[in-house]
Amino acid sequence: MDPNTRKEILSRMDQEQRPRTPLALITMGIILLISPFLPDSWVAGVGGWNGIARIFVAFLFFYVAANVFERMRLSRAFRELVESFEAFNRGIYGRNYKEQRAAINLMIKTIATEDEGVRAKVLERLRLWTGQDFGEDRDAWMAWWEENRQGFQLVAHPQDSAKESDNKA
């Protein structure tokens, strides 16, 4: 990720943090701790000890509600982030990049098959899609794939693009 983009995202996240809630909890806790030492007129002014208990229960209710809303907001933000990341990857690697990577994974595993016809077709497709040729050396294919999986893009071939344009018509 670009360092400037990272800094901007982190600064936006810091701006959205709400440090007031923990501060309010600490304040309420301090008041609860020192309330026995306050004059009785203060306790009577808020409805006695029952009034103080009601205030704390109400505060805790609102605190839980705020946490639920914050969780929902974060969930929405996370979903938007994942969708943006998927759109970004589709833009870079193509519309069906996950399927392509899964297919290459499967084809590399299939090199070890006993069926020579299947193995020949798999090796032909691997050479065509990757532009690499490691023959039937499955370990070499695995090593190459582990190194190149993240940024992999299919090698474009004229016959593939002609087939796609025929399929669209």
N, C-alpha and C. Protein backbone atom coordinates (compact mmCIF):
# COMPACT_ATOMS: atom_id res chain seq x y z
N MET A 1 0.85 -1.18 0.00
CA MET A 1 0.00 0.00 0.00
C MET A 1 0.89 1.24 0.00
N ASP A 2 0.47 2.23 -0.74
CA ASP A 2 1.19 3.48 -0.83
C ASP A 2 1.27 4.12 0.56
N PRO A 3 2.47 4.57 0.99
CA PRO A 3 2.62 5.15 2.34
C PRO A 3 1.70 6.35 2.59
N ASN A 4 1.49 7.19 1.58
CA ASN A 4 0.61 8.35 1.77
C ASN A 4 -0.84 7.91 1.98
N THR A 5 -1.26 6.91 1.23
CA THR A 5 -2.62 6.38 1.39
C THR A 5 -2.78 5.78 2.77
N ARG A 6 -1.77 5.04 3.20
CA ARG A 6 -1.80 4.42 4.54
C ARG A 6 -1.92 5.49 5.62
N LYS A 7 -1.12 6.57 5.51
CA LYS A 7 -1.19 7.65 6.50
C LYS A 7 -2.57 8.30 6.52
N GLU A 8 -3.14 8.49 5.32
CA GLU A 8 -4.46 9.12 5.25
C GLU A 8 -5.52 8.24 5.90
N ILE A 9 -5.46 6.94 5.62
CA ILE A 9 -6.43 6.01 6.21
C ILE A 9 -6.29 6.00 7.73
N LEU A 10 -5.06 5.91 8.22
CA LEU A 10 -4.84 5.88 9.67
C LEU A 10 -5.29 7.18 10.33
N SER A 11 -5.05 8.33 9.68
CA SER A 11 -5.48 9.60 10.29
C SER A 11 -7.00 9.68 10.32
N ARG A 12 -7.67 9.18 9.27
CA ARG A 12 -9.14 9.18 9.27
C ARG A 12 -9.69 8.27 10.36
N MET A 13 -9.02 7.13 10.57
CA MET A 13 -9.46 6.23 11.63
C MET A 13 -9.28 6.88 12.99
N ASP A 14 -8.16 7.59 13.19
CA ASP A 14 -7.92 8.26 14.47
C ASP A 14 -8.97 9.35 14.71
N GLN A 15 -9.36 10.05 13.65
CA GLN A 15 -10.36 11.10 13.81
C GLN A 15 -11.71 10.52 14.20
N GLU A 16 -12.00 9.31 13.73
CA GLU A 16 -13.30 8.70 14.02
C GLU A 16 -13.34 8.03 15.38
N GLN A 17 -12.20 7.87 16.02
CA GLN A 17 -12.19 7.27 17.35
C GLN A 17 -12.90 8.21 18.32
N ARG A 18 -13.64 7.64 19.22
CA ARG A 18 -14.39 8.45 20.18
C ARG A 18 -13.88 8.15 21.59
N PRO A 19 -12.92 8.93 22.07
CA PRO A 19 -12.36 8.65 23.40
C PRO A 19 -13.25 9.13 24.54
N ARG A 20 -14.39 9.75 24.23
CA ARG A 20 -15.25 10.28 25.30
C ARG A 20 -15.91 9.19 26.12
N THR A 21 -16.24 8.07 25.51
CA THR A 21 -16.96 7.02 26.23
C THR A 21 -16.13 6.45 27.38
N PRO A 22 -14.86 6.06 27.17
CA PRO A 22 -14.07 5.58 28.32
C PRO A 22 -13.90 6.67 29.38
N LEU A 23 -13.76 7.91 28.95
CA LEU A 23 -13.62 9.00 29.91
C LEU A 23 -14.89 9.14 30.74
N ALA A 24 -16.05 9.00 30.11
CA ALA A 24 -17.31 9.07 30.85
C ALA A 24 -17.43 7.91 31.83
N LEU A 25 -17.02 6.71 31.42
CA LEU A 25 -17.05 5.57 32.34
C LEU A 25 -16.14 5.80 33.55
N ILE A 26 -14.98 6.33 33.31
CA ILE A 26 -14.04 6.61 34.42
C ILE A 26 -14.65 7.64 35.36
N THR A 27 -15.26 8.68 34.78
CA THR A 27 -15.88 9.72 35.60
C THR A 27 -17.02 9.14 36.44
N MET A 28 -17.86 8.31 35.82
CA MET A 28 -18.96 7.70 36.57
C MET A 28 -18.43 6.80 37.68
N GLY A 29 -17.37 6.07 37.39
CA GLY A 29 -16.76 5.21 38.42
C GLY A 29 -16.21 6.01 39.58
N ILE A 30 -15.57 7.13 39.28
CA ILE A 30 -15.03 7.99 40.34
C ILE A 30 -16.17 8.55 41.18
N ILE A 31 -17.22 9.00 40.52
CA ILE A 31 -18.38 9.53 41.27
C ILE A 31 -18.96 8.44 42.17
N LEU A 32 -19.07 7.23 41.64
CA LEU A 32 -19.60 6.13 42.44
C LEU A 32 -18.70 5.85 43.65
N LEU A 33 -17.40 5.93 43.45
CA LEU A 33 -16.47 5.67 44.55
C LEU A 33 -16.51 6.76 45.63
N ILE A 34 -16.63 8.00 45.19
CA ILE A 34 -16.59 9.09 46.18
C ILE A 34 -17.96 9.48 46.70
N SER A 35 -19.05 8.94 46.11
CA SER A 35 -20.39 9.33 46.53
C SER A 35 -20.66 9.09 48.02
N PRO A 36 -20.12 8.06 48.68
CA PRO A 36 -20.38 7.93 50.12
C PRO A 36 -19.78 9.09 50.93
N PHE A 37 -18.79 9.76 50.37
CA PHE A 37 -18.13 10.85 51.09
C PHE A 37 -18.75 12.21 50.78
N LEU A 38 -19.68 12.26 49.83
CA LEU A 38 -20.34 13.51 49.48
C LEU A 38 -21.45 13.79 50.49
N PRO A 39 -21.80 15.07 50.62
CA PRO A 39 -22.87 15.40 51.58
C PRO A 39 -24.20 14.74 51.19
N ASP A 40 -24.99 14.42 52.20
CA ASP A 40 -26.27 13.77 51.95
C ASP A 40 -27.20 14.62 51.09
N SER A 41 -27.02 15.93 51.12
CA SER A 41 -27.88 16.79 50.29
C SER A 41 -27.66 16.50 48.80
N TRP A 42 -26.45 16.14 48.43
CA TRP A 42 -26.18 15.80 47.02
C TRP A 42 -26.92 14.52 46.64
N VAL A 43 -26.85 13.53 47.52
CA VAL A 43 -27.52 12.26 47.27
C VAL A 43 -29.02 12.48 47.20
N ALA A 44 -29.56 13.28 48.09
CA ALA A 44 -31.00 13.55 48.10
C ALA A 44 -31.41 14.33 46.85
N GLY A 45 -30.52 15.17 46.35
CA GLY A 45 -30.82 15.98 45.16
C GLY A 45 -31.00 15.15 43.89
N VAL A 46 -30.41 13.99 43.84
CA VAL A 46 -30.56 13.15 42.65
C VAL A 46 -31.54 12.00 42.89
N GLY A 47 -32.30 12.06 43.97
CA GLY A 47 -33.31 11.04 44.23
C GLY A 47 -32.82 9.94 45.15
N GLY A 48 -31.82 10.22 45.94
CA GLY A 48 -31.31 9.22 46.88
C GLY A 48 -30.45 8.19 46.16
N TRP A 49 -30.18 7.11 46.91
CA TRP A 49 -29.31 6.07 46.35
C TRP A 49 -29.99 5.37 45.18
N ASN A 50 -31.32 5.27 45.22
CA ASN A 50 -32.03 4.69 44.07
C ASN A 50 -31.86 5.56 42.82
N GLY A 51 -31.87 6.85 43.00
CA GLY A 51 -31.65 7.77 41.87
C GLY A 51 -30.25 7.60 41.27
N ILE A 52 -29.26 7.45 42.15
CA ILE A 52 -27.89 7.25 41.68
C ILE A 52 -27.81 5.92 40.92
N ALA A 53 -28.43 4.89 41.46
CA ALA A 53 -28.41 3.59 40.78
C ALA A 53 -29.09 3.69 39.42
N ARG A 54 -30.21 4.42 39.34
CA ARG A 54 -30.90 4.59 38.06
C ARG A 54 -30.02 5.33 37.05
N ILE A 55 -29.32 6.32 37.51
CA ILE A 55 -28.43 7.08 36.62
C ILE A 55 -27.36 6.14 36.04
N PHE A 56 -26.76 5.32 36.92
CA PHE A 56 -25.70 4.42 36.45
C PHE A 56 -26.25 3.34 35.52
N VAL A 57 -27.42 2.82 35.82
CA VAL A 57 -28.01 1.81 34.95
C VAL A 57 -28.36 2.43 33.59
N ALA A 58 -28.90 3.64 33.60
CA ALA A 58 -29.22 4.32 32.35
C ALA A 58 -27.95 4.58 31.55
N PHE A 59 -26.91 5.02 32.23
CA PHE A 59 -25.64 5.26 31.55
C PHE A 59 -25.11 3.97 30.92
N LEU A 60 -25.16 2.88 31.67
CA LEU A 60 -24.67 1.61 31.14
C LEU A 60 -25.51 1.16 29.95
N PHE A 61 -26.83 1.40 30.00
CA PHE A 61 -27.69 1.07 28.86
C PHE A 61 -27.25 1.84 27.63
N PHE A 62 -27.05 3.15 27.79
CA PHE A 62 -26.62 3.97 26.65
C PHE A 62 -25.22 3.57 26.18
N TYR A 63 -24.38 3.18 27.09
CA TYR A 63 -23.03 2.74 26.73
C TYR A 63 -23.10 1.47 25.87
N VAL A 64 -23.92 0.51 26.26
CA VAL A 64 -24.08 -0.72 25.48
C VAL A 64 -24.69 -0.39 24.12
N ALA A 65 -25.69 0.48 24.09
CA ALA A 65 -26.31 0.87 22.82
C ALA A 65 -25.28 1.54 21.91
N ALA A 66 -24.45 2.40 22.47
CA ALA A 66 -23.40 3.06 21.68
C ALA A 66 -22.42 2.04 21.12
N ASN A 67 -22.10 1.03 21.91
CA ASN A 67 -21.20 -0.02 21.43
C ASN A 67 -21.83 -0.82 20.30
N VAL A 68 -23.13 -1.09 20.39
CA VAL A 68 -23.82 -1.81 19.33
C VAL A 68 -23.80 -0.99 18.05
N PHE A 69 -24.11 0.30 18.16
CA PHE A 69 -24.08 1.16 16.97
C PHE A 69 -22.68 1.27 16.39
N GLU A 70 -21.68 1.35 17.24
CA GLU A 70 -20.30 1.43 16.77
C GLU A 70 -19.90 0.13 16.07
N ARG A 71 -20.34 -0.99 16.61
CA ARG A 71 -20.06 -2.28 15.96
C ARG A 71 -20.70 -2.33 14.58
N MET A 72 -21.94 -1.84 14.47
CA MET A 72 -22.61 -1.82 13.18
C MET A 72 -21.88 -0.91 12.20
N ARG A 73 -21.43 0.24 12.67
CA ARG A 73 -20.69 1.18 11.81
C ARG A 73 -19.38 0.56 11.34
N LEU A 74 -18.67 -0.09 12.26
CA LEU A 74 -17.40 -0.72 11.89
C LEU A 74 -17.63 -1.88 10.93
N SER A 75 -18.70 -2.62 11.14
CA SER A 75 -19.03 -3.72 10.23
C SER A 75 -19.29 -3.19 8.83
N ARG A 76 -20.06 -2.10 8.73
CA ARG A 76 -20.32 -1.49 7.42
C ARG A 76 -19.02 -1.00 6.79
N ALA A 77 -18.17 -0.35 7.58
CA ALA A 77 -16.90 0.15 7.06
C ALA A 77 -16.02 -0.99 6.60
N PHE A 78 -16.01 -2.09 7.35
CA PHE A 78 -15.20 -3.24 6.97
C PHE A 78 -15.71 -3.85 5.66
N ARG A 79 -17.04 -3.98 5.53
CA ARG A 79 -17.61 -4.51 4.30
C ARG A 79 -17.24 -3.64 3.11
N GLU A 80 -17.33 -2.31 3.29
CA GLU A 80 -16.96 -1.39 2.22
C GLU A 80 -15.49 -1.54 1.86
N LEU A 81 -14.65 -1.73 2.87
CA LEU A 81 -13.23 -1.91 2.63
C LEU A 81 -12.96 -3.19 1.85
N VAL A 82 -13.62 -4.28 2.23
CA VAL A 82 -13.44 -5.55 1.52
C VAL A 82 -13.94 -5.43 0.08
N GLU A 83 -15.10 -4.79 -0.11
CA GLU A 83 -15.62 -4.60 -1.46
C GLU A 83 -14.68 -3.75 -2.30
N SER A 84 -14.12 -2.70 -1.72
CA SER A 84 -13.16 -1.87 -2.44
C SER A 84 -11.91 -2.66 -2.80
N PHE A 85 -11.45 -3.48 -1.86
CA PHE A 85 -10.27 -4.30 -2.12
C PHE A 85 -10.54 -5.30 -3.24
N GLU A 86 -11.72 -5.91 -3.23
CA GLU A 86 -12.08 -6.85 -4.29
C GLU A 86 -12.16 -6.12 -5.63
N ALA A 87 -12.76 -4.93 -5.66
CA ALA A 87 -12.85 -4.16 -6.90
C ALA A 87 -11.45 -3.78 -7.39
N PHE A 88 -10.60 -3.42 -6.48
CA PHE A 88 -9.22 -3.08 -6.82
C PHE A 88 -8.51 -4.29 -7.44
N ASN A 89 -8.64 -5.45 -6.81
CA ASN A 89 -8.00 -6.66 -7.33
C ASN A 89 -8.59 -7.06 -8.69
N ARG A 90 -9.92 -6.92 -8.85
CA ARG A 90 -10.52 -7.24 -10.14
C ARG A 90 -9.99 -6.29 -11.21
N GLY A 91 -9.81 -5.03 -10.84
CA GLY A 91 -9.28 -4.06 -11.80
C GLY A 91 -7.85 -4.38 -12.22
N ILE A 92 -7.06 -4.86 -11.30
CA ILE A 92 -5.65 -5.17 -11.61
C ILE A 92 -5.50 -6.53 -12.25
N TYR A 93 -6.11 -7.56 -11.64
CA TYR A 93 -5.86 -8.94 -12.06
C TYR A 93 -6.93 -9.52 -12.96
N GLY A 94 -8.00 -8.79 -13.20
CA GLY A 94 -9.06 -9.31 -14.05
C GLY A 94 -10.28 -9.71 -13.24
N ARG A 95 -11.38 -9.83 -13.96
CA ARG A 95 -12.67 -10.06 -13.31
C ARG A 95 -12.72 -11.36 -12.52
N ASN A 96 -12.08 -12.41 -13.02
CA ASN A 96 -12.18 -13.71 -12.36
C ASN A 96 -10.81 -14.18 -11.84
N TYR A 97 -10.08 -13.27 -11.21
CA TYR A 97 -8.73 -13.59 -10.76
C TYR A 97 -8.70 -14.71 -9.72
N LYS A 98 -9.72 -14.81 -8.87
CA LYS A 98 -9.73 -15.88 -7.86
C LYS A 98 -9.86 -17.24 -8.53
N GLU A 99 -10.76 -17.34 -9.50
CA GLU A 99 -10.96 -18.60 -10.20
C GLU A 99 -9.70 -19.00 -10.96
N GLN A 100 -9.03 -18.02 -11.58
CA GLN A 100 -7.80 -18.31 -12.31
C GLN A 100 -6.73 -18.86 -11.38
N ARG A 101 -6.57 -18.24 -10.25
CA ARG A 101 -5.55 -18.70 -9.30
C ARG A 101 -5.90 -20.09 -8.77
N ALA A 102 -7.17 -20.31 -8.49
CA ALA A 102 -7.59 -21.63 -8.01
C ALA A 102 -7.35 -22.68 -9.09
N ALA A 103 -7.61 -22.32 -10.35
CA ALA A 103 -7.40 -23.27 -11.45
C ALA A 103 -5.92 -23.60 -11.59
N ILE A 104 -5.06 -22.61 -11.49
CA ILE A 104 -3.62 -22.87 -11.61
C ILE A 104 -3.16 -23.75 -10.45
N ASN A 105 -3.65 -23.47 -9.26
CA ASN A 105 -3.34 -24.32 -8.10
C ASN A 105 -3.70 -25.77 -8.38
N LEU A 106 -4.91 -25.97 -8.87
CA LEU A 106 -5.40 -27.31 -9.15
C LEU A 106 -4.59 -27.97 -10.26
N MET A 107 -4.28 -27.21 -11.30
CA MET A 107 -3.50 -27.78 -12.40
C MET A 107 -2.12 -28.21 -11.94
N ILE A 108 -1.48 -27.41 -11.10
CA ILE A 108 -0.15 -27.79 -10.61
C ILE A 108 -0.24 -29.08 -9.79
N LYS A 109 -1.29 -29.21 -9.00
CA LYS A 109 -1.47 -30.44 -8.22
C LYS A 109 -1.77 -31.63 -9.14
N THR A 110 -2.41 -31.36 -10.28
CA THR A 110 -2.80 -32.42 -11.20
C THR A 110 -1.62 -32.97 -12.01
N ILE A 111 -0.50 -32.25 -12.02
CA ILE A 111 0.67 -32.72 -12.76
C ILE A 111 1.07 -34.13 -12.32
N ALA A 112 0.81 -34.46 -11.09
CA ALA A 112 1.22 -35.77 -10.55
C ALA A 112 0.28 -36.91 -10.96
N THR A 113 -0.73 -36.62 -11.78
CA THR A 113 -1.69 -37.65 -12.15
C THR A 113 -1.04 -38.75 -13.01
N GLU A 114 -1.62 -39.93 -12.94
CA GLU A 114 -1.12 -41.06 -13.72
C GLU A 114 -1.58 -40.99 -15.18
N ASP A 115 -2.68 -40.31 -15.43
CA ASP A 115 -3.24 -40.21 -16.77
C ASP A 115 -2.40 -39.26 -17.62
N GLU A 116 -1.72 -39.82 -18.62
CA GLU A 116 -0.82 -39.01 -19.45
C GLU A 116 -1.57 -37.96 -20.27
N GLY A 117 -2.76 -38.29 -20.73
CA GLY A 117 -3.55 -37.34 -21.52
C GLY A 117 -3.93 -36.12 -20.70
N VAL A 118 -4.39 -36.37 -19.49
CA VAL A 118 -4.76 -35.26 -18.60
C VAL A 118 -3.52 -34.43 -18.27
N ARG A 119 -2.43 -35.11 -17.94
CA ARG A 119 -1.19 -34.41 -17.59
C ARG A 119 -0.72 -33.54 -18.76
N ALA A 120 -0.78 -34.06 -19.98
CA ALA A 120 -0.34 -33.30 -21.16
C ALA A 120 -1.20 -32.05 -21.35
N LYS A 121 -2.53 -32.20 -21.18
CA LYS A 121 -3.42 -31.04 -21.34
C LYS A 121 -3.17 -29.99 -20.24
N VAL A 122 -2.93 -30.48 -19.01
CA VAL A 122 -2.66 -29.57 -17.90
C VAL A 122 -1.37 -28.80 -18.15
N LEU A 123 -0.34 -29.51 -18.58
CA LEU A 123 0.95 -28.85 -18.83
C LEU A 123 0.84 -27.86 -19.98
N GLU A 124 0.07 -28.20 -21.01
CA GLU A 124 -0.13 -27.28 -22.13
C GLU A 124 -0.83 -26.00 -21.66
N ARG A 125 -1.89 -26.17 -20.85
CA ARG A 125 -2.63 -25.01 -20.35
C ARG A 125 -1.76 -24.17 -19.40
N LEU A 126 -0.97 -24.83 -18.56
CA LEU A 126 -0.08 -24.09 -17.66
C LEU A 126 0.92 -23.26 -18.47
N ARG A 127 1.51 -23.85 -19.50
CA ARG A 127 2.47 -23.11 -20.35
C ARG A 127 1.77 -21.93 -21.01
N LEU A 128 0.56 -22.16 -21.50
CA LEU A 128 -0.19 -21.12 -22.19
C LEU A 128 -0.56 -19.97 -21.24
N TRP A 129 -1.06 -20.30 -20.07
CA TRP A 129 -1.53 -19.28 -19.12
C TRP A 129 -0.40 -18.56 -18.43
N THR A 130 0.69 -19.28 -18.12
CA THR A 130 1.76 -18.68 -17.31
C THR A 130 2.94 -18.17 -18.11
N GLY A 131 3.13 -18.72 -19.30
CA GLY A 131 4.31 -18.37 -20.08
C GLY A 131 5.56 -19.06 -19.55
N GLN A 132 5.40 -20.01 -18.66
CA GLN A 132 6.52 -20.75 -18.07
C GLN A 132 6.50 -22.18 -18.58
N ASP A 133 7.67 -22.84 -18.53
CA ASP A 133 7.73 -24.23 -18.94
C ASP A 133 8.72 -24.97 -18.04
N PHE A 134 8.17 -25.68 -17.07
CA PHE A 134 9.00 -26.48 -16.17
C PHE A 134 8.82 -27.97 -16.45
N GLY A 135 8.21 -28.28 -17.59
CA GLY A 135 7.97 -29.67 -17.94
C GLY A 135 7.07 -30.34 -16.91
N GLU A 136 7.39 -31.58 -16.57
CA GLU A 136 6.58 -32.33 -15.62
C GLU A 136 7.11 -32.21 -14.19
N ASP A 137 8.01 -31.28 -13.95
CA ASP A 137 8.60 -31.10 -12.63
C ASP A 137 7.62 -30.33 -11.73
N ARG A 138 6.82 -31.08 -11.00
CA ARG A 138 5.79 -30.49 -10.15
C ARG A 138 6.39 -29.59 -9.08
N ASP A 139 7.53 -29.98 -8.52
CA ASP A 139 8.16 -29.16 -7.47
C ASP A 139 8.60 -27.81 -8.02
N ALA A 140 9.11 -27.80 -9.24
CA ALA A 140 9.52 -26.53 -9.86
C ALA A 140 8.30 -25.64 -10.10
N TRP A 141 7.19 -26.25 -10.57
CA TRP A 141 5.96 -25.49 -10.76
C TRP A 141 5.47 -24.92 -9.42
N MET A 142 5.50 -25.74 -8.37
CA MET A 142 5.05 -25.29 -7.04
C MET A 142 5.91 -24.13 -6.54
N ALA A 143 7.23 -24.26 -6.69
CA ALA A 143 8.13 -23.20 -6.24
C ALA A 143 7.87 -21.91 -7.01
N TRP A 144 7.70 -22.04 -8.33
CA TRP A 144 7.41 -20.85 -9.13
C TRP A 144 6.08 -20.22 -8.70
N TRP A 145 5.07 -21.06 -8.49
CA TRP A 145 3.75 -20.55 -8.12
C TRP A 145 3.78 -19.85 -6.77
N GLU A 146 4.48 -20.40 -5.80
CA GLU A 146 4.59 -19.77 -4.48
C GLU A 146 5.23 -18.39 -4.59
N GLU A 147 6.20 -18.25 -5.49
CA GLU A 147 6.88 -16.97 -5.67
C GLU A 147 6.02 -15.95 -6.40
N ASN A 148 5.19 -16.41 -7.34
CA ASN A 148 4.49 -15.50 -8.25
C ASN A 148 2.99 -15.41 -8.05
N ARG A 149 2.45 -16.11 -7.09
CA ARG A 149 1.00 -16.16 -6.89
C ARG A 149 0.39 -14.78 -6.65
N GLN A 150 1.00 -13.98 -5.80
CA GLN A 150 0.39 -12.71 -5.40
C GLN A 150 0.15 -11.75 -6.56
N GLY A 151 1.12 -11.58 -7.43
CA GLY A 151 0.97 -10.61 -8.50
C GLY A 151 0.70 -11.24 -9.85
N PHE A 152 0.26 -12.48 -9.86
CA PHE A 152 0.14 -13.21 -11.11
C PHE A 152 -0.99 -12.68 -11.98
N GLN A 153 -0.69 -12.58 -13.28
CA GLN A 153 -1.70 -12.29 -14.29
C GLN A 153 -1.52 -13.29 -15.42
N LEU A 154 -2.63 -13.72 -16.00
CA LEU A 154 -2.56 -14.65 -17.12
C LEU A 154 -1.82 -14.01 -18.28
N VAL A 155 -1.07 -14.83 -19.01
CA VAL A 155 -0.41 -14.36 -20.21
C VAL A 155 -1.48 -14.28 -21.29
N ALA A 156 -1.60 -13.11 -21.92
CA ALA A 156 -2.62 -12.92 -22.95
C ALA A 156 -2.16 -13.55 -24.25
N HIS A 157 -3.04 -14.26 -24.92
CA HIS A 157 -2.76 -14.90 -26.21
C HIS A 157 -3.82 -14.49 -27.21
N PRO A 158 -3.43 -14.27 -28.44
CA PRO A 158 -4.42 -13.83 -29.45
C PRO A 158 -5.59 -14.80 -29.60
N GLN A 159 -5.33 -16.11 -29.53
CA GLN A 159 -6.43 -17.06 -29.72
C GLN A 159 -7.42 -17.00 -28.55
N ASP A 160 -6.93 -16.69 -27.33
CA ASP A 160 -7.84 -16.55 -26.19
C ASP A 160 -8.73 -15.33 -26.35
N SER A 161 -8.15 -14.19 -26.77
CA SER A 161 -8.97 -12.98 -26.93
C SER A 161 -9.95 -13.14 -28.08
N ALA A 162 -9.56 -13.91 -29.13
CA ALA A 162 -10.48 -14.16 -30.24
C ALA A 162 -11.65 -15.02 -29.75
N LYS A 163 -11.37 -16.02 -28.89
CA LYS A 163 -12.44 -16.87 -28.35
C LYS A 163 -13.39 -16.04 -27.49
N GLU A 164 -12.83 -15.12 -26.68
CA GLU A 164 -13.69 -14.29 -25.83
C GLU A 164 -14.58 -13.40 -26.66
N SER A 165 -14.04 -12.80 -27.74
CA SER A 165 -14.87 -11.94 -28.56
C SER A 165 -15.94 -12.75 -29.31
N ASP A 166 -15.61 -14.02 -29.68
CA ASP A 166 -16.62 -14.89 -30.30
C ASP A 166 -17.72 -15.22 -29.30
N ASN A 167 -17.36 -15.46 -28.03
CA ASN A 167 -18.35 -15.80 -27.00
C ASN A 167 -19.26 -14.61 -26.71
N LYS A 168 -18.73 -13.39 -26.80
CA LYS A 168 -19.55 -12.20 -26.51
C LYS A 168 -20.56 -11.93 -27.62
N ALA A 169 -20.20 -12.31 -28.84
CA ALA A 169 -21.06 -12.01 -30.00
C ALA A 169 -22.29 -12.89 -30.03
